[in-house]
């Protein structure tokens, strides 16, 4: 998928772990990228924290990261807009942590 500035959208399946002692992005839960956040799963706070953490981990702005599915689930699909090859390389790095 191509975005407004010619960027591509990478879809990433993540497993959110709310209530963690610190926010981290990396590792695997099955085939999903693990996103641990300090926020509690109340009123979408953990989801928003996860989206911010993913944006930071991929080096893109928060507005480049969208929730595709999973608003109330720990398993979510997130869309990340940016240069396709760079995003895919970063995803590989994060999954290996």
PDB file of N, CA and C in Angstrom:
ATOM      1  N   UNK A   1       0.843  -1.178   0.000  1.00  0.00           N
ATOM      2  CA  UNK A   1       0.000   0.000   0.000  1.00  0.00           C
ATOM      3  C   UNK A   1       0.889   1.242   0.000  1.00  0.00           C
ATOM      4  N   UNK A   2       0.548   2.261  -0.739  1.00  0.00           N
ATOM      5  CA  UNK A   2       1.350   3.464  -0.831  1.00  0.00           C
ATOM      6  C   UNK A   2       0.619   4.625  -0.187  1.00  0.00           C
ATOM      7  N   UNK A   3       1.353   5.424   0.593  1.00  0.00           N
ATOM      8  CA  UNK A   3       0.774   6.555   1.307  1.00  0.00           C
ATOM      9  C   UNK A   3       0.881   7.839   0.516  1.00  0.00           C
ATOM     10  N   UNK A   4       0.537   8.978   1.148  1.00  0.00           N
ATOM     11  CA  UNK A   4       0.466  10.263   0.466  1.00  0.00           C
ATOM     12  C   UNK A   4       1.791  10.771  -0.092  1.00  0.00           C
ATOM     13  N   UNK A   5       2.924  10.516   0.563  1.00  0.00           N
ATOM     14  CA  UNK A   5       4.210  10.987   0.059  1.00  0.00           C
ATOM     15  C   UNK A   5       4.988   9.880  -0.627  1.00  0.00           C
ATOM     16  N   UNK A   6       4.302   8.876  -1.132  1.00  0.00           N
ATOM     17  CA  UNK A   6       4.983   7.776  -1.776  1.00  0.00           C
ATOM     18  C   UNK A   6       5.491   6.741  -0.789  1.00  0.00           C
ATOM     19  N   UNK A   7       5.225   6.983   0.496  1.00  0.00           N
ATOM     20  CA  UNK A   7       5.612   6.007   1.512  1.00  0.00           C
ATOM     21  C   UNK A   7       4.718   4.786   1.398  1.00  0.00           C
ATOM     22  N   UNK A   8       5.230   3.680   1.894  1.00  0.00           N
ATOM     23  CA  UNK A   8       4.445   2.454   1.929  1.00  0.00           C
ATOM     24  C   UNK A   8       3.898   2.259   3.326  1.00  0.00           C
ATOM     25  N   UNK A   9       2.875   1.411   3.434  1.00  0.00           N
ATOM     26  CA  UNK A   9       2.356   1.079   4.750  1.00  0.00           C
ATOM     27  C   UNK A   9       2.721  -0.363   5.055  1.00  0.00           C
ATOM     28  N   UNK A  10       3.452  -0.539   6.148  1.00  0.00           N
ATOM     29  CA  UNK A  10       3.798  -1.862   6.637  1.00  0.00           C
ATOM     30  C   UNK A  10       2.766  -2.229   7.689  1.00  0.00           C
ATOM     31  N   UNK A  11       2.152  -3.388   7.540  1.00  0.00           N
ATOM     32  CA  UNK A  11       1.201  -3.866   8.552  1.00  0.00           C
ATOM     33  C   UNK A  11       1.925  -4.829   9.475  1.00  0.00           C
ATOM     34  N   UNK A  12       1.839  -4.558  10.765  1.00  0.00           N
ATOM     35  CA  UNK A  12       2.545  -5.336  11.772  1.00  0.00           C
ATOM     36  C   UNK A  12       1.537  -5.851  12.791  1.00  0.00           C
ATOM     37  N   UNK A  13       1.596  -7.149  13.082  1.00  0.00           N
ATOM     38  CA  UNK A  13       0.768  -7.734  14.127  1.00  0.00           C
ATOM     39  C   UNK A  13       1.558  -7.660  15.424  1.00  0.00           C
ATOM     40  N   UNK A  14       0.957  -7.068  16.449  1.00  0.00           N
ATOM     41  CA  UNK A  14       1.654  -6.898  17.721  1.00  0.00           C
ATOM     42  C   UNK A  14       0.875  -7.544  18.855  1.00  0.00           C
ATOM     43  N   UNK A  15       1.606  -7.873  19.917  1.00  0.00           N
ATOM     44  CA  UNK A  15       1.024  -8.366  21.165  1.00  0.00           C
ATOM     45  C   UNK A  15       1.348  -7.311  22.214  1.00  0.00           C
ATOM     46  N   UNK A  16       0.327  -6.640  22.737  1.00  0.00           N
ATOM     47  CA  UNK A  16       0.523  -5.589  23.731  1.00  0.00           C
ATOM     48  C   UNK A  16       0.478  -6.192  25.121  1.00  0.00           C
ATOM     49  N   UNK A  17       1.461  -5.824  25.932  1.00  0.00           N
ATOM     50  CA  UNK A  17       1.518  -6.253  27.329  1.00  0.00           C
ATOM     51  C   UNK A  17       1.380  -5.011  28.205  1.00  0.00           C
ATOM     52  N   UNK A  18       0.149  -4.680  28.619  1.00  0.00           N
ATOM     53  CA  UNK A  18      -0.066  -3.484  29.434  1.00  0.00           C
ATOM     54  C   UNK A  18       0.398  -3.691  30.875  1.00  0.00           C
ATOM     55  N   UNK A  19       0.647  -2.579  31.566  1.00  0.00           N
ATOM     56  CA  UNK A  19       1.028  -2.649  32.973  1.00  0.00           C
ATOM     57  C   UNK A  19       2.446  -3.123  33.211  1.00  0.00           C
ATOM     58  N   UNK A  20       3.307  -3.022  32.212  1.00  0.00           N
ATOM     59  CA  UNK A  20       4.710  -3.442  32.356  1.00  0.00           C
ATOM     60  C   UNK A  20       5.469  -2.427  33.209  1.00  0.00           C
ATOM     61  N   UNK A  21       6.616  -2.817  33.713  1.00  0.00           N
ATOM     62  CA  UNK A  21       7.414  -1.907  34.533  1.00  0.00           C
ATOM     63  C   UNK A  21       8.055  -0.800  33.701  1.00  0.00           C
ATOM     64  N   UNK A  22       8.264  -1.071  32.395  1.00  0.00           N
ATOM     65  CA  UNK A  22       8.774  -0.040  31.488  1.00  0.00           C
ATOM     66  C   UNK A  22       8.284  -0.331  30.075  1.00  0.00           C
ATOM     67  N   UNK A  23       8.310   0.684  29.234  1.00  0.00           N
ATOM     68  CA  UNK A  23       7.855   0.548  27.854  1.00  0.00           C
ATOM     69  C   UNK A  23       9.003   0.039  26.996  1.00  0.00           C
ATOM     70  N   UNK A  24       8.754  -1.066  26.279  1.00  0.00           N
ATOM     71  CA  UNK A  24       9.746  -1.631  25.369  1.00  0.00           C
ATOM     72  C   UNK A  24       9.049  -2.164  24.119  1.00  0.00           C
ATOM     73  N   UNK A  25       9.784  -2.189  23.031  1.00  0.00           N
ATOM     74  CA  UNK A  25       9.304  -2.785  21.788  1.00  0.00           C
ATOM     75  C   UNK A  25      10.379  -3.752  21.324  1.00  0.00           C
ATOM     76  N   UNK A  26      10.019  -5.020  21.218  1.00  0.00           N
ATOM     77  CA  UNK A  26      10.982  -6.000  20.741  1.00  0.00           C
ATOM     78  C   UNK A  26      10.677  -7.390  21.258  1.00  0.00           C
ATOM     79  N   UNK A  27      11.112  -8.374  20.499  1.00  0.00           N
ATOM     80  CA  UNK A  27      10.865  -9.756  20.844  1.00  0.00           C
ATOM     81  C   UNK A  27       9.639 -10.284  20.124  1.00  0.00           C
ATOM     82  N   UNK A  28       9.400 -11.569  20.347  1.00  0.00           N
ATOM     83  CA  UNK A  28       8.288 -12.250  19.669  1.00  0.00           C
ATOM     84  C   UNK A  28       7.335 -12.874  20.667  1.00  0.00           C
ATOM     85  N   UNK A  29       6.091 -12.906  20.283  1.00  0.00           N
ATOM     86  CA  UNK A  29       5.058 -13.713  20.944  1.00  0.00           C
ATOM     87  C   UNK A  29       4.408 -14.468  19.796  1.00  0.00           C
ATOM     88  N   UNK A  30       4.889 -15.676  19.528  1.00  0.00           N
ATOM     89  CA  UNK A  30       4.469 -16.378  18.308  1.00  0.00           C
ATOM     90  C   UNK A  30       5.033 -15.642  17.115  1.00  0.00           C
ATOM     91  N   UNK A  31       4.160 -15.190  16.220  1.00  0.00           N
ATOM     92  CA  UNK A  31       4.600 -14.421  15.054  1.00  0.00           C
ATOM     93  C   UNK A  31       4.388 -12.924  15.239  1.00  0.00           C
ATOM     94  N   UNK A  32       4.035 -12.507  16.451  1.00  0.00           N
ATOM     95  CA  UNK A  32       3.721 -11.103  16.719  1.00  0.00           C
ATOM     96  C   UNK A  32       4.883 -10.381  17.397  1.00  0.00           C
ATOM     97  N   UNK A  33       5.016  -9.090  17.124  1.00  0.00           N
ATOM     98  CA  UNK A  33       5.986  -8.219  17.775  1.00  0.00           C
ATOM     99  C   UNK A  33       5.454  -7.856  19.154  1.00  0.00           C
ATOM    100  N   UNK A  34       6.284  -7.960  20.173  1.00  0.00           N
ATOM    101  CA  UNK A  34       5.865  -7.651  21.545  1.00  0.00           C
ATOM    102  C   UNK A  34       6.066  -6.162  21.815  1.00  0.00           C
ATOM    103  N   UNK A  35       4.999  -5.527  22.342  1.00  0.00           N
ATOM    104  CA  UNK A  35       5.045  -4.128  22.754  1.00  0.00           C
ATOM    105  C   UNK A  35       4.579  -4.081  24.202  1.00  0.00           C
ATOM    106  N   UNK A  36       5.514  -3.837  25.120  1.00  0.00           N
ATOM    107  CA  UNK A  36       5.179  -3.728  26.538  1.00  0.00           C
ATOM    108  C   UNK A  36       5.028  -2.250  26.875  1.00  0.00           C
ATOM    109  N   UNK A  37       3.947  -1.897  27.564  1.00  0.00           N
ATOM    110  CA  UNK A  37       3.701  -0.501  27.935  1.00  0.00           C
ATOM    111  C   UNK A  37       3.355  -0.409  29.412  1.00  0.00           C
ATOM    112  N   UNK A  38       3.667   0.723  30.012  1.00  0.00           N
ATOM    113  CA  UNK A  38       3.373   0.922  31.429  1.00  0.00           C
ATOM    114  C   UNK A  38       1.905   1.241  31.663  1.00  0.00           C
ATOM    115  N   UNK A  39       1.223   1.751  30.647  1.00  0.00           N
ATOM    116  CA  UNK A  39      -0.183   2.137  30.784  1.00  0.00           C
ATOM    117  C   UNK A  39      -1.062   0.919  31.062  1.00  0.00           C
ATOM    118  N   UNK A  40      -2.104   1.134  31.826  1.00  0.00           N
ATOM    119  CA  UNK A  40      -3.093   0.091  32.119  1.00  0.00           C
ATOM    120  C   UNK A  40      -4.100   0.023  30.973  1.00  0.00           C
ATOM    121  N   UNK A  41      -4.731  -1.139  30.773  1.00  0.00           N
ATOM    122  CA  UNK A  41      -5.702  -1.288  29.680  1.00  0.00           C
ATOM    123  C   UNK A  41      -7.061  -0.683  30.042  1.00  0.00           C
ATOM    124  N   UNK A  42      -7.069   0.637  30.254  1.00  0.00           N
ATOM    125  CA  UNK A  42      -8.293   1.344  30.636  1.00  0.00           C
ATOM    126  C   UNK A  42      -8.511   2.501  29.665  1.00  0.00           C
ATOM    127  N   UNK A  43      -9.700   2.588  29.110  1.00  0.00           N
ATOM    128  CA  UNK A  43     -10.072   3.702  28.225  1.00  0.00           C
ATOM    129  C   UNK A  43      -9.112   3.894  27.056  1.00  0.00           C
ATOM    130  N   UNK A  44      -8.558   2.808  26.529  1.00  0.00           N
ATOM    131  CA  UNK A  44      -7.682   2.894  25.362  1.00  0.00           C
ATOM    132  C   UNK A  44      -6.290   3.429  25.645  1.00  0.00           C
ATOM    133  N   UNK A  45      -5.947   3.610  26.920  1.00  0.00           N
ATOM    134  CA  UNK A  45      -4.636   4.181  27.254  1.00  0.00           C
ATOM    135  C   UNK A  45      -3.489   3.254  26.855  1.00  0.00           C
ATOM    136  N   UNK A  46      -3.633   1.957  27.045  1.00  0.00           N
ATOM    137  CA  UNK A  46      -2.576   1.027  26.662  1.00  0.00           C
ATOM    138  C   UNK A  46      -2.411   0.986  25.145  1.00  0.00           C
ATOM    139  N   UNK A  47      -3.513   1.052  24.423  1.00  0.00           N
ATOM    140  CA  UNK A  47      -3.439   1.059  22.963  1.00  0.00           C
ATOM    141  C   UNK A  47      -2.711   2.302  22.473  1.00  0.00           C
ATOM    142  N   UNK A  48      -3.058   3.457  22.997  1.00  0.00           N
ATOM    143  CA  UNK A  48      -2.397   4.701  22.589  1.00  0.00           C
ATOM    144  C   UNK A  48      -0.911   4.664  22.947  1.00  0.00           C
ATOM    145  N   UNK A  49      -0.597   4.155  24.129  1.00  0.00           N
ATOM    146  CA  UNK A  49       0.807   4.041  24.533  1.00  0.00           C
ATOM    147  C   UNK A  49       1.556   3.106  23.593  1.00  0.00           C
ATOM    148  N   UNK A  50       0.917   2.021  23.176  1.00  0.00           N
ATOM    149  CA  UNK A  50       1.541   1.072  22.246  1.00  0.00           C
ATOM    150  C   UNK A  50       1.800   1.730  20.896  1.00  0.00           C
ATOM    151  N   UNK A  51       0.853   2.513  20.409  1.00  0.00           N
ATOM    152  CA  UNK A  51       1.032   3.190  19.122  1.00  0.00           C
ATOM    153  C   UNK A  51       2.182   4.192  19.193  1.00  0.00           C
ATOM    154  N   UNK A  52       2.281   4.921  20.304  1.00  0.00           N
ATOM    155  CA  UNK A  52       3.386   5.873  20.485  1.00  0.00           C
ATOM    156  C   UNK A  52       4.727   5.131  20.549  1.00  0.00           C
ATOM    157  N   UNK A  53       4.754   4.013  21.272  1.00  0.00           N
ATOM    158  CA  UNK A  53       5.987   3.237  21.411  1.00  0.00           C
ATOM    159  C   UNK A  53       6.434   2.668  20.063  1.00  0.00           C
ATOM    160  N   UNK A  54       5.492   2.180  19.274  1.00  0.00           N
ATOM    161  CA  UNK A  54       5.819   1.644  17.952  1.00  0.00           C
ATOM    162  C   UNK A  54       6.358   2.758  17.052  1.00  0.00           C
ATOM    163  N   UNK A  55       5.733   3.925  17.089  1.00  0.00           N
ATOM    164  CA  UNK A  55       6.211   5.055  16.279  1.00  0.00           C
ATOM    165  C   UNK A  55       7.657   5.385  16.636  1.00  0.00           C
ATOM    166  N   UNK A  56       7.953   5.442  17.928  1.00  0.00           N
ATOM    167  CA  UNK A  56       9.317   5.753  18.365  1.00  0.00           C
ATOM    168  C   UNK A  56      10.293   4.658  17.936  1.00  0.00           C
ATOM    169  N   UNK A  57       9.903   3.404  18.109  1.00  0.00           N
ATOM    170  CA  UNK A  57      10.778   2.286  17.765  1.00  0.00           C
ATOM    171  C   UNK A  57      11.096   2.238  16.270  1.00  0.00           C
ATOM    172  N   UNK A  58      10.147   2.657  15.438  1.00  0.00           N
ATOM    173  CA  UNK A  58      10.359   2.636  13.987  1.00  0.00           C
ATOM    174  C   UNK A  58      10.889   3.964  13.455  1.00  0.00           C
ATOM    175  N   UNK A  59      11.018   4.962  14.330  1.00  0.00           N
ATOM    176  CA  UNK A  59      11.569   6.250  13.915  1.00  0.00           C
ATOM    177  C   UNK A  59      10.649   7.053  13.020  1.00  0.00           C
ATOM    178  N   UNK A  60       9.341   6.925  13.255  1.00  0.00           N
ATOM    179  CA  UNK A  60       8.364   7.692  12.478  1.00  0.00           C
ATOM    180  C   UNK A  60       7.513   8.516  13.435  1.00  0.00           C
ATOM    181  N   UNK A  61       6.771   9.474  12.900  1.00  0.00           N
ATOM    182  CA  UNK A  61       5.898  10.286  13.740  1.00  0.00           C
ATOM    183  C   UNK A  61       4.693   9.462  14.191  1.00  0.00           C
ATOM    184  N   UNK A  62       4.096   9.860  15.284  1.00  0.00           N
ATOM    185  CA  UNK A  62       2.914   9.158  15.794  1.00  0.00           C
ATOM    186  C   UNK A  62       1.798   9.152  14.745  1.00  0.00           C
ATOM    187  N   UNK A  63       1.690  10.209  13.956  1.00  0.00           N
ATOM    188  CA  UNK A  63       0.630  10.283  12.941  1.00  0.00           C
ATOM    189  C   UNK A  63       0.844   9.284  11.804  1.00  0.00           C
ATOM    190  N   UNK A  64       2.039   8.701  11.713  1.00  0.00           N
ATOM    191  CA  UNK A  64       2.320   7.689  10.686  1.00  0.00           C
ATOM    192  C   UNK A  64       1.919   6.292  11.125  1.00  0.00           C
ATOM    193  N   UNK A  65       1.447   6.165  12.370  1.00  0.00           N
ATOM    194  CA  UNK A  65       1.086   4.860  12.926  1.00  0.00           C
ATOM    195  C   UNK A  65      -0.417   4.829  13.193  1.00  0.00           C
ATOM    196  N   UNK A  66      -1.094   3.821  12.623  1.00  0.00           N
ATOM    197  CA  UNK A  66      -2.542   3.714  12.805  1.00  0.00           C
ATOM    198  C   UNK A  66      -2.919   2.332  13.299  1.00  0.00           C
ATOM    199  N   UNK A  67      -3.985   2.288  14.062  1.00  0.00           N
ATOM    200  CA  UNK A  67      -4.537   1.018  14.519  1.00  0.00           C
ATOM    201  C   UNK A  67      -5.467   0.505  13.429  1.00  0.00           C
ATOM    202  N   UNK A  68      -5.186  -0.692  12.920  1.00  0.00           N
ATOM    203  CA  UNK A  68      -6.013  -1.285  11.864  1.00  0.00           C
ATOM    204  C   UNK A  68      -7.109  -2.137  12.495  1.00  0.00           C
ATOM    205  N   UNK A  69      -6.730  -3.037  13.383  1.00  0.00           N
ATOM    206  CA  UNK A  69      -7.703  -3.869  14.098  1.00  0.00           C
ATOM    207  C   UNK A  69      -7.212  -4.127  15.513  1.00  0.00           C
ATOM    208  N   UNK A  70      -8.144  -4.454  16.403  1.00  0.00           N
ATOM    209  CA  UNK A  70      -7.794  -4.896  17.743  1.00  0.00           C
ATOM    210  C   UNK A  70      -7.878  -3.846  18.827  1.00  0.00           C
ATOM    211  N   UNK A  71      -8.792  -2.904  18.716  1.00  0.00           N
ATOM    212  CA  UNK A  71      -8.890  -1.817  19.693  1.00  0.00           C
ATOM    213  C   UNK A  71      -9.012  -2.319  21.125  1.00  0.00           C
ATOM    214  N   UNK A  72      -9.718  -3.413  21.360  1.00  0.00           N
ATOM    215  CA  UNK A  72      -9.923  -3.901  22.731  1.00  0.00           C
ATOM    216  C   UNK A  72      -9.208  -5.222  23.000  1.00  0.00           C
ATOM    217  N   UNK A  73      -8.323  -5.609  22.118  1.00  0.00           N
ATOM    218  CA  UNK A  73      -7.606  -6.878  22.251  1.00  0.00           C
ATOM    219  C   UNK A  73      -6.126  -6.628  22.523  1.00  0.00           C
ATOM    220  N   UNK A  74      -5.457  -7.589  23.132  1.00  0.00           N
ATOM    221  CA  UNK A  74      -4.007  -7.486  23.296  1.00  0.00           C
ATOM    222  C   UNK A  74      -3.299  -7.707  21.967  1.00  0.00           C
ATOM    223  N   UNK A  75      -3.929  -8.444  21.064  1.00  0.00           N
ATOM    224  CA  UNK A  75      -3.378  -8.668  19.725  1.00  0.00           C
ATOM    225  C   UNK A  75      -3.961  -7.626  18.790  1.00  0.00           C
ATOM    226  N   UNK A  76      -3.084  -6.866  18.143  1.00  0.00           N
ATOM    227  CA  UNK A  76      -3.516  -5.770  17.281  1.00  0.00           C
ATOM    228  C   UNK A  76      -2.778  -5.825  15.951  1.00  0.00           C
ATOM    229  N   UNK A  77      -3.376  -5.237  14.940  1.00  0.00           N
ATOM    230  CA  UNK A  77      -2.691  -5.016  13.672  1.00  0.00           C
ATOM    231  C   UNK A  77      -2.518  -3.508  13.550  1.00  0.00           C
ATOM    232  N   UNK A  78      -1.266  -3.107  13.336  1.00  0.00           N
ATOM    233  CA  UNK A  78      -0.915  -1.694  13.264  1.00  0.00           C
ATOM    234  C   UNK A  78      -0.349  -1.408  11.882  1.00  0.00           C
ATOM    235  N   UNK A  79      -0.743  -0.280  11.299  1.00  0.00           N
ATOM    236  CA  UNK A  79      -0.187   0.176  10.029  1.00  0.00           C
ATOM    237  C   UNK A  79       0.855   1.246  10.296  1.00  0.00           C
ATOM    238  N   UNK A  80       2.014   1.116   9.660  1.00  0.00           N
ATOM    239  CA  UNK A  80       3.100   2.082   9.830  1.00  0.00           C
ATOM    240  C   UNK A  80       3.470   2.616   8.455  1.00  0.00           C
ATOM    241  N   UNK A  81       3.328   3.928   8.258  1.00  0.00           N
ATOM    242  CA  UNK A  81       3.653   4.545   6.974  1.00  0.00           C
ATOM    243  C   UNK A  81       5.088   5.033   6.998  1.00  0.00           C
ATOM    244  N   UNK A  82       5.811   4.746   5.926  1.00  0.00           N
ATOM    245  CA  UNK A  82       7.199   5.177   5.830  1.00  0.00           C
ATOM    246  C   UNK A  82       7.880   4.473   4.682  1.00  0.00           C
ATOM    247  N   UNK A  83       9.192   4.663   4.575  1.00  0.00           N
ATOM    248  CA  UNK A  83       9.940   3.989   3.504  1.00  0.00           C
ATOM    249  C   UNK A  83       9.938   2.481   3.737  1.00  0.00           C
ATOM    250  N   UNK A  84       9.341   1.741   2.821  1.00  0.00           N
ATOM    251  CA  UNK A  84       9.088   0.316   2.972  1.00  0.00           C
ATOM    252  C   UNK A  84      10.267  -0.535   3.382  1.00  0.00           C
ATOM    253  N   UNK A  85      11.392  -0.386   2.703  1.00  0.00           N
ATOM    254  CA  UNK A  85      12.556  -1.227   3.004  1.00  0.00           C
ATOM    255  C   UNK A  85      13.092  -0.938   4.397  1.00  0.00           C
ATOM    256  N   UNK A  86      13.127   0.319   4.785  1.00  0.00           N
ATOM    257  CA  UNK A  86      13.642   0.693   6.105  1.00  0.00           C
ATOM    258  C   UNK A  86      12.730   0.143   7.199  1.00  0.00           C
ATOM    259  N   UNK A  87      11.416   0.211   6.978  1.00  0.00           N
ATOM    260  CA  UNK A  87      10.474  -0.313   7.972  1.00  0.00           C
ATOM    261  C   UNK A  87      10.611  -1.823   8.119  1.00  0.00           C
ATOM    262  N   UNK A  88      10.742  -2.523   6.994  1.00  0.00           N
ATOM    263  CA  UNK A  88      10.870  -3.980   7.031  1.00  0.00           C
ATOM    264  C   UNK A  88      12.162  -4.387   7.740  1.00  0.00           C
ATOM    265  N   UNK A  89      13.247  -3.673   7.496  1.00  0.00           N
ATOM    266  CA  UNK A  89      14.520  -3.970   8.154  1.00  0.00           C
ATOM    267  C   UNK A  89      14.416  -3.746   9.653  1.00  0.00           C
ATOM    268  N   UNK A  90      13.773  -2.656  10.037  1.00  0.00           N
ATOM    269  CA  UNK A  90      13.616  -2.360  11.458  1.00  0.00           C
ATOM    270  C   UNK A  90      12.748  -3.417  12.139  1.00  0.00           C
ATOM    271  N   UNK A  91      11.694  -3.862  11.463  1.00  0.00           N
ATOM    272  CA  UNK A  91      10.839  -4.908  12.020  1.00  0.00           C
ATOM    273  C   UNK A  91      11.654  -6.171  12.277  1.00  0.00           C
ATOM    274  N   UNK A  92      12.494  -6.549  11.324  1.00  0.00           N
ATOM    275  CA  UNK A  92      13.339  -7.739  11.504  1.00  0.00           C
ATOM    276  C   UNK A  92      14.233  -7.589  12.733  1.00  0.00           C
ATOM    277  N   UNK A  93      14.829  -6.402  12.903  1.00  0.00           N
ATOM    278  CA  UNK A  93      15.690  -6.137  14.068  1.00  0.00           C
ATOM    279  C   UNK A  93      14.897  -6.303  15.366  1.00  0.00           C
ATOM    280  N   UNK A  94      13.727  -5.713  15.416  1.00  0.00           N
ATOM    281  CA  UNK A  94      12.913  -5.746  16.644  1.00  0.00           C
ATOM    282  C   UNK A  94      12.448  -7.151  16.976  1.00  0.00           C
ATOM    283  N   UNK A  95      12.097  -7.924  15.978  1.00  0.00           N
ATOM    284  CA  UNK A  95      11.638  -9.295  16.222  1.00  0.00           C
ATOM    285  C   UNK A  95      12.764 -10.180  16.759  1.00  0.00           C
ATOM    286  N   UNK A  96      14.011  -9.857  16.429  1.00  0.00           N
ATOM    287  CA  UNK A  96      15.150 -10.657  16.891  1.00  0.00           C
ATOM    288  C   UNK A  96      15.569 -10.346  18.320  1.00  0.00           C
ATOM    289  N   UNK A  97      15.032  -9.302  18.923  1.00  0.00           N
ATOM    290  CA  UNK A  97      15.429  -8.931  20.295  1.00  0.00           C
ATOM    291  C   UNK A  97      14.965  -9.945  21.289  1.00  0.00           C
TER     292      UNK A  97
END
